[in-house]
Amino acid sequence: MDNLGLGRRKFVIFLLLFLFNFSYADIKELKQISFYPKDIQDYYFKPIIDLATLGDMVYGIENLRNSAIAFKLEYPQVKYDFLVGKPGQGPGDLQRPFSLSIWNDEIAIKESGFFSFFRKNGEYLSKFRIFSDNPTFVYLDDKIYWLNPNLEDNYLVEIYAKDGEMISTFGDKFLKPDIHAFKNPNFINYKLYEGNMFSDGKSILYFNSRFGNYLIFSLDGKTLAEGNISKFFRTRGEKIKKLNNDIYIKRVKDQNERISGYPRSVIFEDGYLHKDKIYFVSSTMTHKNGWETIFELRVLSIKPMNLLKEYVIKKGDPCRLDSFTVIEKNGENFILLAITNHEKGINLELYKE
């Protein structure tokens, strides 16, 4: 064998060893800086299912109490500040809120049947009715860009003025399942297009959490880029993409099937856009020598769409990610996780990137 052939063989062996011996030890582990609540006088909340930041303020959706919460970062602590909205269906009230988006010091909240708008201090502004509960949207330039998962409509996104008038639609549905083969077609609609929408102020970005597809649109609806991010999630991305394709498109597997160790059959469980980077979090859970939950954090650049960094956060308990956000303080980035720890309760946990 010549030297060139021997060199190639050694390289292949090295590559195989690297792939088969991958472990979380190869990736930086983030350590917790602080958590909230921890004192008896603190505000103890129900699961916070969505988070967004505005300067040193963090706003979260407390769905089970029909309200939103404002927290303040007083580094290194996160402190409760005030509530946004109250339970009800009238002006300034919230009923089953799901998600929020912040633009120009205003907060838009998607709740059951409505969009409601508040100032950053919690003052109510207005609301309008929308009959779908799908939570995925972006608030930008006094407009709501809302993801429409209904497969009866060919388009993907609806744009609404702040008074509720529909302005236009754009984007094409890229999945072609036979949803009527399922017992609950409306629920399947939602699951197929589950994911996150973001805006960098110049474009709208949509990422599908079950299949990994992404689409980037101009604000007037022209497709600027598209692709798939599942390759950035190692084995998880390919396995889950295949599983969902087998369940919802090919229909060769039962819709209750899932892959061992993954609490949810999604490639990522939540995402957050910070400047020109998107942070995605997913989790795995094992119970070999006691419980362990590992949150995997991946950082992708937008242009080009590349994987920049990977981190892990390890918890010695069975935990569920409810939501997360990224906070910048004095030029440094911090990760704030909203976690339900099934042994220790519900917390916000702060980590330094």
Protein backbone atom coordinates (compact mmCIF):
# COMPACT_ATOMS: atom_id res chain seq x y z
CA MET A 1 0.00 0.00 0.00
CA ASP A 2 1.43 3.41 -0.96
CA ASN A 3 1.74 6.29 1.51
CA LEU A 4 -1.28 8.07 -0.01
CA GLY A 5 -3.49 5.00 0.44
CA LEU A 6 -2.23 4.47 3.99
CA GLY A 7 -2.93 8.10 4.81
CA ARG A 8 -6.47 7.84 3.52
CA ARG A 9 -7.06 4.66 5.52
CA LYS A 10 -5.81 6.30 8.72
CA PHE A 11 -8.06 9.29 8.10
CA VAL A 12 -11.13 7.07 7.61
CA ILE A 13 -10.33 5.13 10.80
CA PHE A 14 -9.87 8.39 12.73
CA LEU A 15 -13.17 9.73 11.40
CA LEU A 16 -15.05 6.56 12.36
CA LEU A 17 -13.53 6.59 15.83
CA PHE A 18 -14.56 10.21 16.25
CA LEU A 19 -18.13 9.56 15.14
CA PHE A 20 -18.64 6.44 17.24
CA ASN A 21 -16.95 7.83 20.34
CA PHE A 22 -18.79 11.14 20.41
CA SER A 23 -19.91 12.05 23.89
CA TYR A 24 -21.12 15.15 25.68
CA ALA A 25 -17.61 15.41 27.15
CA ASP A 26 -16.57 16.83 23.78
CA ILE A 27 -18.93 19.79 24.20
CA LYS A 28 -18.72 22.66 26.70
CA GLU A 29 -21.05 22.26 29.67
CA LEU A 30 -22.75 25.43 30.89
CA LYS A 31 -23.01 25.93 34.64
CA GLN A 32 -25.94 27.53 36.45
CA ILE A 33 -25.34 31.03 37.80
CA SER A 34 -28.63 31.64 39.58
CA PHE A 35 -32.25 30.54 39.70
CA TYR A 36 -35.66 31.94 40.61
CA PRO A 37 -37.74 31.54 42.77
CA LYS A 38 -35.62 30.46 45.74
CA ASP A 39 -36.94 32.42 48.76
CA ILE A 40 -40.30 32.13 50.45
CA GLN A 41 -41.25 35.72 49.53
CA ASP A 42 -40.55 35.17 45.82
CA TYR A 43 -43.29 34.80 43.21
CA TYR A 44 -43.91 31.09 42.58
CA PHE A 45 -45.32 30.50 39.12
CA LYS A 46 -46.83 27.81 36.94
CA PRO A 47 -44.90 26.63 33.83
CA ILE A 48 -43.74 29.53 31.65
CA ILE A 49 -44.36 28.36 28.10
CA ASP A 50 -42.82 31.29 26.18
CA LEU A 51 -40.14 33.91 26.94
CA ALA A 52 -38.90 37.09 25.25
CA THR A 53 -36.51 39.86 26.29
CA LEU A 54 -36.46 43.65 26.05
CA GLY A 55 -33.26 45.12 27.46
CA ASP A 56 -32.96 43.94 31.07
CA MET A 57 -36.63 42.90 31.10
CA VAL A 58 -37.85 39.36 30.49
CA TYR A 59 -41.51 38.65 29.69
CA GLY A 60 -43.05 35.21 30.03
CA ILE A 61 -46.40 33.52 29.38
CA GLU A 62 -47.93 31.79 32.42
CA ASN A 63 -50.64 29.92 30.57
CA LEU A 64 -52.25 28.10 33.49
CA ARG A 65 -52.87 31.39 35.31
CA ASN A 66 -54.04 33.26 32.19
CA SER A 67 -51.41 35.97 32.51
CA ALA A 68 -48.00 37.16 31.41
CA ILE A 69 -45.17 37.95 33.84
CA ALA A 70 -42.46 40.62 33.69
CA PHE A 71 -39.11 39.81 35.29
CA LYS A 72 -36.06 42.04 35.64
CA LEU A 73 -32.45 40.94 35.35
CA GLU A 74 -30.47 42.36 38.26
CA TYR A 75 -27.32 40.45 37.44
CA PRO A 76 -26.78 37.75 38.45
CA GLN A 77 -30.33 37.46 39.77
CA VAL A 78 -33.67 37.38 37.96
CA LYS A 79 -36.46 39.07 39.94
CA TYR A 80 -40.24 39.19 39.54
CA ASP A 81 -41.45 42.69 38.58
CA PHE A 82 -45.15 42.77 37.62
CA LEU A 83 -47.99 40.95 35.85
CA VAL A 84 -49.23 41.77 32.35
CA GLY A 85 -52.95 41.23 31.87
CA LYS A 86 -55.37 39.34 34.08
CA PRO A 87 -57.70 36.36 33.56
CA GLY A 88 -60.78 37.12 31.49
CA GLN A 89 -62.05 37.89 27.98
CA GLY A 90 -62.43 41.67 28.06
CA PRO A 91 -60.04 44.52 27.21
CA GLY A 92 -56.77 44.00 29.05
CA ASP A 93 -57.71 40.42 29.97
CA LEU A 94 -56.06 37.21 28.82
CA GLN A 95 -57.61 33.80 28.22
CA ARG A 96 -55.25 30.87 27.70
CA PRO A 97 -52.29 32.89 26.40
CA PHE A 98 -49.77 30.87 24.35
CA SER A 99 -46.97 33.07 23.02
CA LEU A 100 -45.64 36.62 22.79
CA SER A 101 -43.52 38.80 20.53
CA ILE A 102 -42.00 42.23 21.25
CA TRP A 103 -41.51 45.14 18.87
CA ASN A 104 -40.91 48.86 19.48
CA ASP A 105 -41.45 48.55 23.26
CA GLU A 106 -44.82 46.87 22.72
CA ILE A 107 -45.81 43.31 23.57
CA ALA A 108 -48.16 41.28 21.39
CA ILE A 109 -49.67 38.20 23.04
CA LYS A 110 -51.44 35.37 21.23
CA GLU A 111 -54.22 34.00 23.38
CA SER A 112 -57.18 31.74 22.68
CA GLY A 113 -59.17 33.55 20.00
CA PHE A 114 -57.37 36.92 20.22
CA PHE A 115 -54.21 38.95 19.81
CA SER A 116 -53.73 41.45 22.65
CA PHE A 117 -51.28 44.37 22.76
CA PHE A 118 -49.63 45.94 25.80
CA ARG A 119 -46.93 48.54 26.47
CA LYS A 120 -43.72 47.26 28.07
CA ASN A 121 -44.96 48.54 31.47
CA GLY A 122 -48.05 46.31 31.20
CA GLU A 123 -50.50 49.03 30.09
CA TYR A 124 -53.21 47.58 27.84
CA LEU A 125 -53.46 48.98 24.29
CA SER A 126 -55.86 46.96 22.14
CA LYS A 127 -56.89 43.51 20.94
CA PHE A 128 -58.47 41.82 17.92
CA ARG A 129 -60.15 38.47 17.36
CA ILE A 130 -58.67 35.58 15.41
CA PHE A 131 -60.37 32.20 15.51
CA SER A 132 -57.35 29.88 15.42
CA ASP A 133 -55.29 29.03 18.49
CA ASN A 134 -52.02 28.38 16.64
CA PRO A 135 -49.39 30.24 18.71
CA THR A 136 -46.61 30.84 16.17
CA PHE A 137 -46.23 34.49 15.12
CA VAL A 138 -43.98 37.57 14.92
CA TYR A 139 -44.93 41.18 15.75
CA LEU A 140 -43.13 43.73 13.55
CA ASP A 141 -43.88 47.23 12.16
CA ASP A 142 -47.39 47.26 13.71
CA LYS A 143 -48.17 44.01 11.89
CA ILE A 144 -48.76 40.45 12.99
CA TYR A 145 -47.08 37.77 10.86
CA TRP A 146 -49.00 34.65 11.90
CA LEU A 147 -48.26 31.06 10.85
CA ASN A 148 -51.34 29.39 9.39
CA PRO A 149 -50.94 25.59 9.69
CA ASN A 150 -54.31 24.75 8.11
CA LEU A 151 -53.63 22.45 5.16
CA GLU A 152 -56.89 23.54 3.53
CA ASP A 153 -55.07 26.82 2.78
CA ASN A 154 -52.13 26.67 0.38
CA TYR A 155 -50.28 29.62 1.90
CA LEU A 156 -48.17 29.51 5.07
CA VAL A 157 -48.29 33.02 6.61
CA GLU A 158 -51.05 35.59 7.15
CA ILE A 159 -50.28 39.28 7.78
CA TYR A 160 -52.65 41.31 9.97
CA ALA A 161 -52.80 45.01 10.75
CA LYS A 162 -52.98 45.93 14.42
CA ASP A 163 -56.73 46.49 14.12
CA GLY A 164 -57.23 42.90 12.91
CA GLU A 165 -57.59 43.54 9.18
CA MET A 166 -55.92 40.83 7.09
CA ILE A 167 -53.43 42.50 4.75
CA SER A 168 -52.00 39.62 2.72
CA THR A 169 -50.72 36.04 2.72
CA PHE A 170 -47.51 34.44 1.50
CA GLY A 171 -45.45 31.24 1.48
CA ASP A 172 -46.36 27.75 0.29
CA LYS A 173 -47.14 24.64 2.30
CA PHE A 174 -44.24 22.25 1.73
CA LEU A 175 -45.72 19.09 3.35
CA LYS A 176 -48.26 16.96 1.48
CA PRO A 177 -49.83 14.53 3.96
CA ASP A 178 -53.26 12.91 3.83
CA ILE A 179 -54.47 14.41 7.10
CA HIS A 180 -57.95 12.93 6.68
CA ALA A 181 -56.39 9.52 7.32
CA PHE A 182 -55.93 10.62 10.94
CA LYS A 183 -58.58 10.69 13.67
CA ASN A 184 -58.02 14.38 14.48
CA PRO A 185 -57.03 16.25 11.27
CA ASN A 186 -57.05 19.70 12.92
CA PHE A 187 -54.54 18.58 15.56
CA ILE A 188 -52.36 17.00 12.87
CA ASN A 189 -52.36 20.35 11.04
CA TYR A 190 -50.80 22.01 14.06
CA LYS A 191 -48.26 19.27 14.72
CA LEU A 192 -46.99 19.18 11.12
CA TYR A 193 -46.04 22.86 11.08
CA GLU A 194 -44.99 23.16 14.73
CA GLY A 195 -41.91 25.34 15.06
CA ASN A 196 -40.67 28.90 15.53
CA MET A 197 -40.91 32.19 13.65
CA PHE A 198 -38.40 35.02 14.05
CA SER A 199 -37.64 38.37 12.50
CA ASP A 200 -34.37 40.29 12.20
CA GLY A 201 -36.29 43.42 11.20
CA LYS A 202 -35.68 42.83 7.49
CA SER A 203 -37.03 39.31 6.98
CA ILE A 204 -39.28 36.61 8.45
CA LEU A 205 -37.67 33.28 9.36
CA TYR A 206 -39.63 30.08 9.93
CA PHE A 207 -38.15 26.81 11.27
CA ASN A 208 -40.12 23.56 11.38
CA SER A 209 -39.32 21.53 14.49
CA ARG A 210 -40.55 18.13 13.25
CA PHE A 211 -38.93 18.00 9.82
CA GLY A 212 -36.15 20.59 10.07
CA ASN A 213 -37.22 22.67 7.06
CA TYR A 214 -36.61 26.40 7.18
CA LEU A 215 -37.84 29.27 5.00
CA ILE A 216 -36.67 32.88 5.00
CA PHE A 217 -39.00 35.51 3.49
CA SER A 218 -38.73 39.19 2.75
CA LEU A 219 -41.31 41.30 4.57
CA ASP A 220 -43.45 41.38 1.42
CA GLY A 221 -43.43 37.57 1.20
CA LYS A 222 -40.74 36.73 -1.35
CA THR A 223 -38.77 33.56 -0.57
CA LEU A 224 -35.14 34.53 0.06
CA ALA A 225 -33.72 31.18 1.20
CA GLU A 226 -34.79 27.69 2.18
CA GLY A 227 -33.17 24.51 3.41
CA ASN A 228 -33.08 21.98 6.25
CA ILE A 229 -31.24 22.19 9.58
CA SER A 230 -31.67 18.58 10.74
CA LYS A 231 -28.03 17.80 9.83
CA PHE A 232 -26.84 20.20 12.55
CA PHE A 233 -28.51 18.05 15.24
CA ARG A 234 -26.37 14.94 14.71
CA THR A 235 -28.21 11.60 14.97
CA ARG A 236 -31.19 13.25 16.63
CA GLY A 237 -32.02 15.35 13.57
CA GLU A 238 -32.01 12.49 11.09
CA LYS A 239 -33.82 10.03 13.37
CA ILE A 240 -36.64 12.40 14.26
CA LYS A 241 -37.06 13.69 10.72
CA LYS A 242 -37.37 10.08 9.50
CA LEU A 243 -39.78 9.16 12.31
CA ASN A 244 -42.11 12.06 11.54
CA ASN A 245 -41.93 11.31 7.83
CA ASP A 246 -42.89 7.68 8.54
CA ILE A 247 -45.78 8.75 10.80
CA TYR A 248 -47.32 11.71 8.99
CA ILE A 249 -46.31 11.38 5.34
CA LYS A 250 -45.77 7.68 4.59
CA ARG A 251 -48.06 6.56 7.45
CA VAL A 252 -46.09 3.36 8.05
CA LYS A 253 -45.76 4.00 11.80
CA ASP A 254 -48.22 4.79 14.57
CA GLN A 255 -48.48 8.45 15.54
CA ASN A 256 -47.81 7.60 19.20
CA GLU A 257 -44.37 6.17 18.44
CA ARG A 258 -41.29 8.03 19.65
CA ILE A 259 -37.57 7.47 19.95
CA SER A 260 -36.27 6.35 23.34
CA GLY A 261 -34.58 9.14 25.29
CA TYR A 262 -36.30 11.99 23.46
CA PRO A 263 -39.22 13.34 25.50
CA ARG A 264 -40.76 14.84 22.35
CA SER A 265 -40.52 13.81 18.69
CA VAL A 266 -39.13 17.17 17.61
CA ILE A 267 -35.67 18.11 16.38
CA PHE A 268 -35.67 21.18 18.62
CA GLU A 269 -38.04 22.10 21.43
CA ASP A 270 -37.64 25.87 21.32
CA GLY A 271 -35.58 28.51 19.54
CA TYR A 272 -34.60 32.15 20.00
CA LEU A 273 -33.11 34.69 17.59
CA HIS A 274 -30.45 36.97 19.06
CA LYS A 275 -28.87 39.39 16.59
CA ASP A 276 -27.63 37.25 13.66
CA LYS A 277 -27.64 33.95 15.55
CA ILE A 278 -30.39 31.47 16.35
CA TYR A 279 -30.21 29.39 19.52
CA PHE A 280 -32.02 26.03 19.54
CA VAL A 281 -32.62 23.82 22.59
CA SER A 282 -33.54 20.14 22.65
CA SER A 283 -33.37 17.56 25.42
CA THR A 284 -32.65 13.89 26.09
CA MET A 285 -33.56 11.95 29.21
CA THR A 286 -32.09 8.71 30.60
CA HIS A 287 -32.74 6.57 33.66
CA LYS A 288 -29.77 4.18 33.89
CA ASN A 289 -28.16 4.90 37.26
CA GLY A 290 -30.75 7.44 38.29
CA TRP A 291 -32.39 10.17 36.26
CA GLU A 292 -30.40 12.50 34.03
CA THR A 293 -31.74 15.18 31.71
CA ILE A 294 -29.40 16.81 29.22
CA PHE A 295 -30.38 20.02 27.46
CA GLU A 296 -28.50 20.44 24.18
CA LEU A 297 -27.99 24.02 23.01
CA ARG A 298 -26.96 24.69 19.41
CA VAL A 299 -26.10 28.10 17.99
CA LEU A 300 -26.57 28.66 14.25
CA SER A 301 -25.60 31.65 12.14
CA ILE A 302 -28.24 32.99 9.75
CA LYS A 303 -25.95 33.94 6.86
CA PRO A 304 -24.74 31.42 5.96
CA MET A 305 -26.87 28.86 7.82
CA ASN A 306 -24.08 27.12 9.71
CA LEU A 307 -23.56 25.50 13.09
CA LEU A 308 -21.34 27.76 15.22
CA LYS A 309 -21.35 26.32 18.74
CA GLU A 310 -22.77 23.51 20.86
CA TYR A 311 -23.32 23.43 24.63
CA VAL A 312 -24.92 21.07 27.12
CA ILE A 313 -26.66 21.62 30.45
CA LYS A 314 -26.88 18.54 32.68
CA LYS A 315 -29.56 18.01 35.32
CA GLY A 316 -29.64 15.08 37.75
CA ASP A 317 -33.45 14.96 37.74
CA PRO A 318 -36.25 14.33 35.23
CA CYS A 319 -36.83 17.81 33.76
CA ARG A 320 -38.93 19.37 31.04
CA LEU A 321 -37.98 22.44 29.04
CA ASP A 322 -40.90 24.88 29.00
CA SER A 323 -39.18 27.74 27.11
CA PHE A 324 -35.97 29.76 27.01
CA THR A 325 -34.50 33.09 25.93
CA VAL A 326 -31.14 34.80 25.45
CA ILE A 327 -30.19 37.90 27.45
CA GLU A 328 -27.26 40.19 26.64
CA LYS A 329 -25.62 42.04 29.53
CA ASN A 330 -22.45 44.15 29.14
CA GLY A 331 -21.58 42.42 25.89
CA GLU A 332 -22.00 38.90 27.32
CA ASN A 333 -24.80 36.45 26.51
CA PHE A 334 -26.79 34.55 29.11
CA ILE A 335 -29.22 31.67 28.59
CA LEU A 336 -32.40 31.75 30.67
CA LEU A 337 -34.25 28.43 30.83
CA ALA A 338 -37.79 27.96 32.11
CA ILE A 339 -37.77 24.40 33.46
CA THR A 340 -40.22 22.09 35.16
CA ASN A 341 -38.13 19.86 37.41
CA HIS A 342 -40.42 16.98 38.33
CA GLU A 343 -38.54 16.48 41.62
CA LYS A 344 -37.90 20.09 42.69
CA GLY A 345 -40.52 22.34 41.10
CA ILE A 346 -40.67 25.05 38.43
CA ASN A 347 -37.79 27.50 38.01
CA LEU A 348 -36.08 30.05 35.84
CA GLU A 349 -32.40 29.14 35.58
CA LEU A 350 -29.65 31.46 34.34
CA TYR A 351 -26.50 30.25 32.56
CA LYS A 352 -23.59 32.19 31.07
CA GLU A 353 -22.72 31.29 27.49
